[in-house]
């Protein structure tokens, strides 16, 4: 294998690696957005649960687990 062929092969591999890195980066970014959104939603739900008074909880409709 000549030096030029080896360089061409390395350039091809580098191009594929750059594409893969870009795809992985996009995936990680999307996952981070999902995690951030879910974290905010969880905090909101925690705050809502803390704000409930015992009477509001007792008045909630309740069905036993066997129904």
N, C-alpha and C. Protein backbone atom coordinates (compact mmCIF):
# COMPACT_ATOMS: atom_id res chain seq x y z
N UNK A 1 0.86 -1.17 0.00
CA UNK A 1 0.00 0.00 0.00
C UNK A 1 0.90 1.23 0.00
N UNK A 2 0.65 2.11 -0.93
CA UNK A 2 1.50 3.30 -1.05
C UNK A 2 1.11 4.33 0.01
N UNK A 3 1.97 5.28 0.17
CA UNK A 3 1.73 6.34 1.15
C UNK A 3 0.47 7.12 0.80
N UNK A 4 0.28 7.38 -0.48
CA UNK A 4 -0.91 8.13 -0.89
C UNK A 4 -2.19 7.35 -0.60
N UNK A 5 -2.17 6.04 -0.83
CA UNK A 5 -3.34 5.20 -0.54
C UNK A 5 -3.62 5.18 0.96
N UNK A 6 -2.56 5.12 1.74
CA UNK A 6 -2.73 5.11 3.20
C UNK A 6 -3.33 6.43 3.68
N UNK A 7 -2.85 7.53 3.12
CA UNK A 7 -3.38 8.84 3.50
C UNK A 7 -4.85 8.95 3.09
N UNK A 8 -5.17 8.47 1.90
CA UNK A 8 -6.57 8.50 1.45
C UNK A 8 -7.45 7.67 2.38
N UNK A 9 -6.97 6.50 2.75
CA UNK A 9 -7.72 5.63 3.67
C UNK A 9 -7.92 6.32 5.03
N UNK A 10 -6.90 6.97 5.53
CA UNK A 10 -7.02 7.70 6.80
C UNK A 10 -8.00 8.86 6.69
N UNK A 11 -8.00 9.57 5.57
CA UNK A 11 -8.94 10.66 5.37
C UNK A 11 -10.38 10.15 5.33
N UNK A 12 -10.58 9.00 4.70
CA UNK A 12 -11.92 8.40 4.65
C UNK A 12 -12.38 8.03 6.06
N UNK A 13 -11.50 7.39 6.81
CA UNK A 13 -11.83 7.00 8.18
C UNK A 13 -12.14 8.23 9.04
N UNK A 14 -11.33 9.26 8.88
CA UNK A 14 -11.54 10.50 9.64
C UNK A 14 -12.90 11.11 9.31
N UNK A 15 -13.27 11.09 8.05
CA UNK A 15 -14.56 11.63 7.64
C UNK A 15 -15.70 10.86 8.28
N UNK A 16 -15.60 9.53 8.30
CA UNK A 16 -16.64 8.71 8.93
C UNK A 16 -16.70 8.97 10.43
N UNK A 17 -15.53 9.13 11.04
CA UNK A 17 -15.51 9.39 12.48
C UNK A 17 -16.13 10.74 12.81
N UNK A 18 -15.87 11.74 11.99
CA UNK A 18 -16.47 13.06 12.22
C UNK A 18 -17.99 12.99 12.10
N UNK A 19 -18.47 12.23 11.12
CA UNK A 19 -19.92 12.07 10.96
C UNK A 19 -20.52 11.39 12.18
N UNK A 20 -19.86 10.34 12.65
CA UNK A 20 -20.34 9.61 13.82
C UNK A 20 -20.35 10.50 15.06
N UNK A 21 -19.30 11.28 15.24
CA UNK A 21 -19.22 12.18 16.39
C UNK A 21 -20.34 13.22 16.33
N UNK A 22 -20.60 13.76 15.15
CA UNK A 22 -21.69 14.74 15.00
C UNK A 22 -23.04 14.12 15.33
N UNK A 23 -23.27 12.89 14.88
CA UNK A 23 -24.53 12.20 15.17
C UNK A 23 -24.67 11.93 16.66
N UNK A 24 -23.58 11.48 17.29
CA UNK A 24 -23.62 11.23 18.73
C UNK A 24 -23.85 12.52 19.51
N UNK A 25 -23.24 13.59 19.08
CA UNK A 25 -23.42 14.88 19.74
C UNK A 25 -24.88 15.33 19.66
N UNK A 26 -25.49 15.15 18.50
CA UNK A 26 -26.90 15.51 18.34
C UNK A 26 -27.78 14.67 19.26
N UNK A 27 -27.47 13.39 19.36
CA UNK A 27 -28.24 12.49 20.22
C UNK A 27 -28.11 12.89 21.69
N UNK A 28 -26.89 13.17 22.11
CA UNK A 28 -26.66 13.59 23.50
C UNK A 28 -27.39 14.89 23.79
N UNK A 29 -27.39 15.82 22.85
CA UNK A 29 -28.09 17.10 23.03
C UNK A 29 -29.59 16.87 23.19
N UNK A 30 -30.17 16.02 22.35
CA UNK A 30 -31.60 15.72 22.45
C UNK A 30 -31.93 15.06 23.79
N UNK A 31 -31.07 14.14 24.22
CA UNK A 31 -31.30 13.47 25.50
C UNK A 31 -31.19 14.47 26.65
N UNK A 32 -30.25 15.38 26.57
CA UNK A 32 -30.10 16.39 27.62
C UNK A 32 -31.35 17.25 27.70
N UNK A 33 -31.90 17.63 26.55
CA UNK A 33 -33.13 18.42 26.54
C UNK A 33 -34.27 17.64 27.20
N UNK A 34 -34.38 16.35 26.90
CA UNK A 34 -35.42 15.52 27.51
C UNK A 34 -35.22 15.42 29.02
N UNK A 35 -34.00 15.20 29.44
CA UNK A 35 -33.71 15.10 30.88
C UNK A 35 -34.03 16.41 31.58
N UNK A 36 -33.65 17.52 30.96
CA UNK A 36 -33.91 18.83 31.55
C UNK A 36 -35.42 19.07 31.68
N UNK A 37 -36.16 18.73 30.64
CA UNK A 37 -37.61 18.90 30.67
C UNK A 37 -38.25 18.02 31.75
N UNK A 38 -37.82 16.77 31.83
CA UNK A 38 -38.36 15.86 32.84
C UNK A 38 -38.00 16.30 34.25
N UNK A 39 -36.81 16.84 34.43
CA UNK A 39 -36.39 17.33 35.74
C UNK A 39 -37.27 18.50 36.18
N UNK A 40 -37.54 19.41 35.26
CA UNK A 40 -38.41 20.55 35.58
C UNK A 40 -39.82 20.07 35.92
N UNK A 41 -40.32 19.12 35.15
CA UNK A 41 -41.66 18.60 35.41
C UNK A 41 -41.71 17.90 36.77
N UNK A 42 -40.68 17.14 37.10
CA UNK A 42 -40.64 16.46 38.40
C UNK A 42 -40.62 17.47 39.54
N UNK A 43 -39.82 18.51 39.41
CA UNK A 43 -39.79 19.53 40.46
C UNK A 43 -41.14 20.22 40.61
N UNK A 44 -41.80 20.46 39.50
CA UNK A 44 -43.13 21.07 39.55
C UNK A 44 -44.11 20.15 40.29
N UNK A 45 -44.07 18.88 39.98
CA UNK A 45 -44.96 17.93 40.65
C UNK A 45 -44.64 17.81 42.14
N UNK A 46 -43.36 17.85 42.49
CA UNK A 46 -42.98 17.81 43.90
C UNK A 46 -43.54 19.02 44.63
N UNK A 47 -43.41 20.18 44.01
CA UNK A 47 -43.93 21.40 44.64
C UNK A 47 -45.45 21.35 44.78
N UNK A 48 -46.13 20.81 43.78
CA UNK A 48 -47.59 20.68 43.87
C UNK A 48 -47.98 19.72 44.99
N UNK A 49 -47.25 18.63 45.12
CA UNK A 49 -47.55 17.67 46.19
C UNK A 49 -47.31 18.28 47.56
N UNK A 50 -46.25 19.06 47.70
CA UNK A 50 -45.97 19.70 48.98
C UNK A 50 -47.04 20.73 49.33
N UNK A 51 -47.64 21.35 48.31
CA UNK A 51 -48.63 22.39 48.55
C UNK A 51 -50.00 21.83 48.92
N UNK A 52 -50.22 20.55 48.68
CA UNK A 52 -51.52 19.96 49.00
C UNK A 52 -51.69 19.89 50.52
N UNK A 53 -52.88 20.21 50.96
CA UNK A 53 -53.19 20.07 52.37
C UNK A 53 -53.71 18.65 52.60
N UNK A 54 -53.64 18.15 53.81
CA UNK A 54 -54.15 16.80 54.07
C UNK A 54 -55.61 16.62 53.68
N UNK A 55 -56.44 17.66 53.82
CA UNK A 55 -57.85 17.52 53.47
C UNK A 55 -58.02 17.33 51.96
N UNK A 56 -57.18 17.98 51.16
CA UNK A 56 -57.26 17.80 49.71
C UNK A 56 -56.88 16.38 49.33
N UNK A 57 -55.93 15.83 50.05
CA UNK A 57 -55.52 14.46 49.76
C UNK A 57 -56.62 13.49 50.18
N UNK A 58 -57.23 13.71 51.35
CA UNK A 58 -58.29 12.82 51.85
C UNK A 58 -59.54 12.87 50.99
N UNK A 59 -59.81 14.00 50.34
CA UNK A 59 -61.00 14.14 49.52
C UNK A 59 -60.84 13.53 48.12
N UNK A 60 -59.63 13.11 47.79
CA UNK A 60 -59.40 12.56 46.46
C UNK A 60 -60.15 11.24 46.32
N UNK A 61 -60.69 10.99 45.10
CA UNK A 61 -61.39 9.70 44.91
C UNK A 61 -60.40 8.55 45.07
N UNK A 62 -60.84 7.53 45.77
CA UNK A 62 -59.96 6.41 46.04
C UNK A 62 -60.68 5.10 45.72
N UNK A 63 -60.00 4.28 44.94
CA UNK A 63 -60.49 2.95 44.67
C UNK A 63 -59.49 1.96 45.24
N UNK A 64 -59.95 0.98 45.93
CA UNK A 64 -59.01 -0.02 46.46
C UNK A 64 -58.28 -0.71 45.30
N UNK A 65 -57.10 -1.22 45.55
CA UNK A 65 -56.28 -1.82 44.50
C UNK A 65 -56.95 -2.99 43.76
N UNK A 66 -57.91 -3.66 44.40
CA UNK A 66 -58.52 -4.83 43.75
C UNK A 66 -59.61 -4.46 42.76
N UNK A 67 -59.91 -3.15 42.56
CA UNK A 67 -60.94 -2.75 41.60
C UNK A 67 -60.33 -2.44 40.28
